[in-house]
Amino acid sequence: MDREKSGTRSPCVRDVLQRGEDEITSASLRELSERLQQAMRPVEPSAVFVRSLGRELVEASRRQRETARRLRRNLLIGAAALGSVASVAGVAFLLLRRRALKASEA
């Protein structure tokens, strides 16, 4: 059975992993690198995948911008509401204070 299909490591990888870190030589690392490059050839993504990924990224960007826009709008509305409440509270305080001063004069 082929080692790749059986899931076992190549002798080089097994040997390198079993040796202590101090015993790893540049030759064994070079051999491991060569074996990895032979076994792991670059793969081009399909055109369908590239188009799909492009659409997903554009949609994610649109959603992120929309969320940021909504957050800014809600913060602006909240600040305006808080300002209005502060204004009403200030006017109410002044009216009550004025009434209290008039009552104390009488």
C-alpha atoms as a PDB file:
ATOM      1  CA  MET A   1       0.000   0.000   0.000  1.00  0.00           C
ATOM      2  CA  ASP A   2       1.227   3.522  -0.781  1.00  0.00           C
ATOM      3  CA  ARG A   3       2.552   5.387   2.291  1.00  0.00           C
ATOM      4  CA  GLU A   4       0.564   8.547   1.432  1.00  0.00           C
ATOM      5  CA  LYS A   5      -2.685   6.598   1.332  1.00  0.00           C
ATOM      6  CA  SER A   6      -1.963   4.561   4.454  1.00  0.00           C
ATOM      7  CA  GLY A   7      -1.285   7.690   6.486  1.00  0.00           C
ATOM      8  CA  THR A   8       2.194   6.618   7.630  1.00  0.00           C
ATOM      9  CA  ARG A   9       5.049   9.058   7.515  1.00  0.00           C
ATOM     10  CA  SER A  10       7.977   8.607   5.196  1.00  0.00           C
ATOM     11  CA  PRO A  11      11.097   7.129   6.801  1.00  0.00           C
ATOM     12  CA  CYS A  12      12.838  10.509   6.594  1.00  0.00           C
ATOM     13  CA  VAL A  13      10.118  12.325   8.563  1.00  0.00           C
ATOM     14  CA  ARG A  14       9.888   9.522  11.140  1.00  0.00           C
ATOM     15  CA  ASP A  15      13.668   9.482  11.548  1.00  0.00           C
ATOM     16  CA  VAL A  16      13.865  13.254  11.945  1.00  0.00           C
ATOM     17  CA  LEU A  17      11.066  13.288  14.515  1.00  0.00           C
ATOM     18  CA  GLN A  18      12.655  10.449  16.526  1.00  0.00           C
ATOM     19  CA  ARG A  19      16.088  12.076  16.696  1.00  0.00           C
ATOM     20  CA  GLY A  20      16.741  14.686  19.321  1.00  0.00           C
ATOM     21  CA  GLU A  21      16.666  18.322  18.286  1.00  0.00           C
ATOM     22  CA  ASP A  22      20.437  18.537  18.666  1.00  0.00           C
ATOM     23  CA  GLU A  23      20.994  15.674  16.235  1.00  0.00           C
ATOM     24  CA  ILE A  24      19.063  17.173  13.325  1.00  0.00           C
ATOM     25  CA  THR A  25      21.569  17.946  10.626  1.00  0.00           C
ATOM     26  CA  SER A  26      21.293  20.309   7.730  1.00  0.00           C
ATOM     27  CA  ALA A  27      21.497  17.285   5.416  1.00  0.00           C
ATOM     28  CA  SER A  28      18.441  15.633   6.999  1.00  0.00           C
ATOM     29  CA  LEU A  29      16.547  18.929   6.882  1.00  0.00           C
ATOM     30  CA  ARG A  30      17.537  19.377   3.249  1.00  0.00           C
ATOM     31  CA  GLU A  31      16.345  15.846   2.489  1.00  0.00           C
ATOM     32  CA  LEU A  32      13.091  16.474   4.316  1.00  0.00           C
ATOM     33  CA  SER A  33      12.589  19.718   2.399  1.00  0.00           C
ATOM     34  CA  GLU A  34      13.193  17.977  -0.923  1.00  0.00           C
ATOM     35  CA  ARG A  35      10.737  15.208  -0.068  1.00  0.00           C
ATOM     36  CA  LEU A  36       8.105  17.725   0.983  1.00  0.00           C
ATOM     37  CA  GLN A  37       8.540  19.699  -2.228  1.00  0.00           C
ATOM     38  CA  GLN A  38       8.144  16.509  -4.270  1.00  0.00           C
ATOM     39  CA  ALA A  39       5.048  15.428  -2.354  1.00  0.00           C
ATOM     40  CA  MET A  40       3.363  18.826  -2.102  1.00  0.00           C
ATOM     41  CA  ARG A  41       3.050  20.334  -5.531  1.00  0.00           C
ATOM     42  CA  PRO A  42       1.306  23.721  -5.888  1.00  0.00           C
ATOM     43  CA  VAL A  43      -2.359  23.504  -6.776  1.00  0.00           C
ATOM     44  CA  GLU A  44      -4.232  26.190  -8.704  1.00  0.00           C
ATOM     45  CA  PRO A  45      -7.739  26.932  -7.426  1.00  0.00           C
ATOM     46  CA  SER A  46     -10.531  26.404  -9.907  1.00  0.00           C
ATOM     47  CA  ALA A  47     -12.062  29.392 -11.672  1.00  0.00           C
ATOM     48  CA  VAL A  48     -15.388  28.622  -9.979  1.00  0.00           C
ATOM     49  CA  PHE A  49     -13.728  28.784  -6.555  1.00  0.00           C
ATOM     50  CA  VAL A  50     -11.964  32.067  -7.387  1.00  0.00           C
ATOM     51  CA  ARG A  51     -15.230  33.659  -8.572  1.00  0.00           C
ATOM     52  CA  SER A  52     -17.106  32.370  -5.539  1.00  0.00           C
ATOM     53  CA  LEU A  53     -14.435  33.640  -3.160  1.00  0.00           C
ATOM     54  CA  GLY A  54     -14.475  37.032  -4.877  1.00  0.00           C
ATOM     55  CA  ARG A  55     -18.261  37.292  -4.494  1.00  0.00           C
ATOM     56  CA  GLU A  56     -18.079  36.247  -0.836  1.00  0.00           C
ATOM     57  CA  LEU A  57     -15.371  38.814  -0.072  1.00  0.00           C
ATOM     58  CA  VAL A  58     -17.298  41.601  -1.783  1.00  0.00           C
ATOM     59  CA  GLU A  59     -20.464  40.633   0.118  1.00  0.00           C
ATOM     60  CA  ALA A  60     -18.593  40.467   3.444  1.00  0.00           C
ATOM     61  CA  SER A  61     -17.156  43.918   2.784  1.00  0.00           C
ATOM     62  CA  ARG A  62     -20.606  45.293   1.958  1.00  0.00           C
ATOM     63  CA  ARG A  63     -22.065  43.821   5.168  1.00  0.00           C
ATOM     64  CA  GLN A  64     -19.222  45.269   7.230  1.00  0.00           C
ATOM     65  CA  ARG A  65     -19.723  48.750   5.741  1.00  0.00           C
ATOM     66  CA  GLU A  66     -23.488  48.514   6.323  1.00  0.00           C
ATOM     67  CA  THR A  67     -22.962  47.479   9.949  1.00  0.00           C
ATOM     68  CA  ALA A  68     -20.558  50.391  10.515  1.00  0.00           C
ATOM     69  CA  ARG A  69     -23.030  52.811   8.884  1.00  0.00           C
ATOM     70  CA  ARG A  70     -25.869  51.552  11.116  1.00  0.00           C
ATOM     71  CA  LEU A  71     -23.698  51.838  14.216  1.00  0.00           C
ATOM     72  CA  ARG A  72     -22.746  55.445  13.385  1.00  0.00           C
ATOM     73  CA  ARG A  73     -26.395  56.326  12.767  1.00  0.00           C
ATOM     74  CA  ASN A  74     -27.515  54.720  16.034  1.00  0.00           C
ATOM     75  CA  LEU A  75     -24.772  56.513  17.969  1.00  0.00           C
ATOM     76  CA  LEU A  76     -25.810  59.824  16.435  1.00  0.00           C
ATOM     77  CA  ILE A  77     -29.471  59.209  17.300  1.00  0.00           C
ATOM     78  CA  GLY A  78     -28.500  58.176  20.840  1.00  0.00           C
ATOM     79  CA  ALA A  79     -26.365  61.296  21.316  1.00  0.00           C
ATOM     80  CA  ALA A  80     -29.183  63.502  20.023  1.00  0.00           C
ATOM     81  CA  ALA A  81     -31.691  61.826  22.353  1.00  0.00           C
ATOM     82  CA  LEU A  82     -29.324  62.194  25.308  1.00  0.00           C
ATOM     83  CA  GLY A  83     -28.821  65.867  24.465  1.00  0.00           C
ATOM     84  CA  SER A  84     -32.572  66.401  24.291  1.00  0.00           C
ATOM     85  CA  VAL A  85     -33.118  64.713  27.654  1.00  0.00           C
ATOM     86  CA  ALA A  86     -30.359  66.854  29.184  1.00  0.00           C
ATOM     87  CA  SER A  87     -31.991  70.001  27.760  1.00  0.00           C
ATOM     88  CA  VAL A  88     -35.428  69.084  29.109  1.00  0.00           C
ATOM     89  CA  ALA A  89     -33.919  68.212  32.490  1.00  0.00           C
ATOM     90  CA  GLY A  90     -32.091  71.538  32.567  1.00  0.00           C
ATOM     91  CA  VAL A  91     -35.232  73.505  31.756  1.00  0.00           C
ATOM     92  CA  ALA A  92     -37.229  71.510  34.330  1.00  0.00           C
ATOM     93  CA  PHE A  93     -34.565  72.192  36.962  1.00  0.00           C
ATOM     94  CA  LEU A  94     -34.607  75.914  36.217  1.00  0.00           C
ATOM     95  CA  LEU A  95     -38.416  76.079  36.372  1.00  0.00           C
ATOM     96  CA  LEU A  96     -38.522  74.165  39.674  1.00  0.00           C
ATOM     97  CA  ARG A  97     -35.758  76.326  41.127  1.00  0.00           C
ATOM     98  CA  ARG A  98     -37.551  79.491  40.044  1.00  0.00           C
ATOM     99  CA  ARG A  99     -40.788  78.236  41.608  1.00  0.00           C
ATOM    100  CA  ALA A 100     -38.937  77.379  44.832  1.00  0.00           C
ATOM    101  CA  LEU A 101     -37.371  80.859  44.971  1.00  0.00           C
ATOM    102  CA  LYS A 102     -40.763  82.519  44.432  1.00  0.00           C
ATOM    103  CA  ALA A 103     -42.304  80.338  47.151  1.00  0.00           C
ATOM    104  CA  SER A 104     -39.572  81.252  49.615  1.00  0.00           C
ATOM    105  CA  GLU A 105     -40.006  84.991  48.903  1.00  0.00           C
ATOM    106  CA  ALA A 106     -43.707  84.855  49.615  1.00  0.00           C
END
